[in-house]
Amino acid sequence: MNTIAMLQAQNEIMEAAESKLGRLREKLEGEIKEWENEVSILKTKLGGVRNQLAEKEDKIAEMAAQIRHLQMEHAQLNKVKFFSSS
């Protein structure tokens, strides 16, 4: 094989490799964009879940305060009953 034919063969191999790399790059860039979109969606959902958690924690705190208040009222009523029955 002469030098020109070898150079042409090398050039064809290089072009094929570059073409394959280009297709692979496009594919991987597309996958990266899909993953970035998925991450964005999940971050949005996480923010919503965090907000729901905060709301539930606030509700729990309110209910715990109500329980404490009712327990204090109950204790006071028991004292009144005790003293009125004596």
C-alpha atoms as a PDB file:
ATOM      1  CA  MET A   1       0.000   0.000   0.000  1.00  0.00           C
ATOM      2  CA  ASN A   2       1.428   3.338  -0.938  1.00  0.00           C
ATOM      3  CA  THR A   3       1.733   6.337   1.317  1.00  0.00           C
ATOM      4  CA  ILE A   4      -1.198   8.212  -0.212  1.00  0.00           C
ATOM      5  CA  ALA A   5      -3.527   5.256   0.219  1.00  0.00           C
ATOM      6  CA  MET A   6      -2.366   4.843   3.803  1.00  0.00           C
ATOM      7  CA  LEU A   7      -2.990   8.512   4.504  1.00  0.00           C
ATOM      8  CA  GLN A   8      -6.449   8.287   2.927  1.00  0.00           C
ATOM      9  CA  ALA A   9      -7.251   5.201   5.018  1.00  0.00           C
ATOM     10  CA  GLN A  10      -6.051   6.961   8.164  1.00  0.00           C
ATOM     11  CA  ASN A  11      -8.132  10.015   7.245  1.00  0.00           C
ATOM     12  CA  GLU A  12     -11.232   7.846   6.745  1.00  0.00           C
ATOM     13  CA  ILE A  13     -10.651   6.148  10.086  1.00  0.00           C
ATOM     14  CA  MET A  14     -10.233   9.525  11.802  1.00  0.00           C
ATOM     15  CA  GLU A  15     -13.395  10.893  10.178  1.00  0.00           C
ATOM     16  CA  ALA A  16     -15.359   7.795  11.218  1.00  0.00           C
ATOM     17  CA  ALA A  17     -14.038   8.099  14.769  1.00  0.00           C
ATOM     18  CA  GLU A  18     -14.871  11.815  14.909  1.00  0.00           C
ATOM     19  CA  SER A  19     -18.358  11.107  13.587  1.00  0.00           C
ATOM     20  CA  LYS A  20     -18.872   8.386  16.178  1.00  0.00           C
ATOM     21  CA  LEU A  21     -17.602  10.705  18.935  1.00  0.00           C
ATOM     22  CA  GLY A  22     -19.956  13.443  17.744  1.00  0.00           C
ATOM     23  CA  ARG A  23     -22.958  11.114  17.902  1.00  0.00           C
ATOM     24  CA  LEU A  24     -21.892   9.892  21.326  1.00  0.00           C
ATOM     25  CA  ARG A  25     -21.412  13.480  22.541  1.00  0.00           C
ATOM     26  CA  GLU A  26     -24.907  14.431  21.317  1.00  0.00           C
ATOM     27  CA  LYS A  27     -26.402  11.382  23.011  1.00  0.00           C
ATOM     28  CA  LEU A  28     -24.633  12.087  26.302  1.00  0.00           C
ATOM     29  CA  GLU A  29     -25.501  15.786  26.212  1.00  0.00           C
ATOM     30  CA  GLY A  30     -29.143  14.814  25.709  1.00  0.00           C
ATOM     31  CA  GLU A  31     -28.976  12.440  28.677  1.00  0.00           C
ATOM     32  CA  ILE A  32     -27.352  15.152  30.797  1.00  0.00           C
ATOM     33  CA  LYS A  33     -30.200  17.546  29.933  1.00  0.00           C
ATOM     34  CA  GLU A  34     -32.752  14.872  30.863  1.00  0.00           C
ATOM     35  CA  TRP A  35     -31.021  14.299  34.222  1.00  0.00           C
ATOM     36  CA  GLU A  36     -30.823  18.043  34.852  1.00  0.00           C
ATOM     37  CA  ASN A  37     -34.566  18.323  34.179  1.00  0.00           C
ATOM     38  CA  GLU A  38     -35.238  15.376  36.506  1.00  0.00           C
ATOM     39  CA  VAL A  39     -33.113  16.967  39.234  1.00  0.00           C
ATOM     40  CA  SER A  40     -34.994  20.237  38.811  1.00  0.00           C
ATOM     41  CA  ILE A  41     -38.342  18.462  39.105  1.00  0.00           C
ATOM     42  CA  LEU A  42     -37.187  16.579  42.197  1.00  0.00           C
ATOM     43  CA  LYS A  43     -35.879  19.777  43.809  1.00  0.00           C
ATOM     44  CA  THR A  44     -39.265  21.395  43.228  1.00  0.00           C
ATOM     45  CA  LYS A  45     -41.033  18.401  44.762  1.00  0.00           C
ATOM     46  CA  LEU A  46     -38.612  18.435  47.691  1.00  0.00           C
ATOM     47  CA  GLY A  47     -39.397  22.094  48.314  1.00  0.00           C
ATOM     48  CA  GLY A  48     -43.104  21.265  48.368  1.00  0.00           C
ATOM     49  CA  VAL A  49     -42.580  18.370  50.754  1.00  0.00           C
ATOM     50  CA  ARG A  50     -40.471  20.566  53.035  1.00  0.00           C
ATOM     51  CA  ASN A  51     -43.269  23.139  53.096  1.00  0.00           C
ATOM     52  CA  GLN A  52     -45.806  20.430  53.934  1.00  0.00           C
ATOM     53  CA  LEU A  53     -43.511  19.159  56.695  1.00  0.00           C
ATOM     54  CA  ALA A  54     -43.214  22.652  58.168  1.00  0.00           C
ATOM     55  CA  GLU A  55     -46.999  23.031  58.095  1.00  0.00           C
ATOM     56  CA  LYS A  56     -47.474  19.663  59.810  1.00  0.00           C
ATOM     57  CA  GLU A  57     -44.857  20.508  62.427  1.00  0.00           C
ATOM     58  CA  ASP A  58     -46.651  23.801  63.120  1.00  0.00           C
ATOM     59  CA  LYS A  59     -49.952  21.934  63.454  1.00  0.00           C
ATOM     60  CA  ILE A  60     -48.341  19.445  65.859  1.00  0.00           C
ATOM     61  CA  ALA A  61     -46.972  22.312  67.960  1.00  0.00           C
ATOM     62  CA  GLU A  62     -50.423  23.936  68.044  1.00  0.00           C
ATOM     63  CA  MET A  63     -52.063  20.678  69.069  1.00  0.00           C
ATOM     64  CA  ALA A  64     -49.437  20.036  71.755  1.00  0.00           C
ATOM     65  CA  ALA A  65     -50.129  23.524  73.149  1.00  0.00           C
ATOM     66  CA  GLN A  66     -53.862  22.803  73.144  1.00  0.00           C
ATOM     67  CA  ILE A  67     -53.246  19.514  74.979  1.00  0.00           C
ATOM     68  CA  ARG A  68     -51.149  21.273  77.617  1.00  0.00           C
ATOM     69  CA  HIS A  69     -53.846  23.914  78.023  1.00  0.00           C
ATOM     70  CA  LEU A  70     -56.574  21.287  78.374  1.00  0.00           C
ATOM     71  CA  GLN A  71     -54.466  19.335  80.858  1.00  0.00           C
ATOM     72  CA  MET A  72     -54.050  22.486  82.959  1.00  0.00           C
ATOM     73  CA  GLU A  73     -57.807  23.130  82.825  1.00  0.00           C
ATOM     74  CA  HIS A  74     -58.464  19.525  83.796  1.00  0.00           C
ATOM     75  CA  ALA A  75     -56.079  19.782  86.736  1.00  0.00           C
ATOM     76  CA  GLN A  76     -57.757  22.998  87.870  1.00  0.00           C
ATOM     77  CA  LEU A  77     -61.191  21.394  87.608  1.00  0.00           C
ATOM     78  CA  ASN A  78     -59.987  18.443  89.657  1.00  0.00           C
ATOM     79  CA  LYS A  79     -58.706  20.845  92.328  1.00  0.00           C
ATOM     80  CA  VAL A  80     -62.042  22.655  92.385  1.00  0.00           C
ATOM     81  CA  LYS A  81     -63.903  19.326  92.654  1.00  0.00           C
ATOM     82  CA  PHE A  82     -61.603  18.166  95.431  1.00  0.00           C
ATOM     83  CA  PHE A  83     -62.040  21.345  97.452  1.00  0.00           C
ATOM     84  CA  SER A  84     -65.795  21.524  96.866  1.00  0.00           C
ATOM     85  CA  SER A  85     -66.316  17.905  97.941  1.00  0.00           C
ATOM     86  CA  SER A  86     -64.315  18.341 101.144  1.00  0.00           C
END
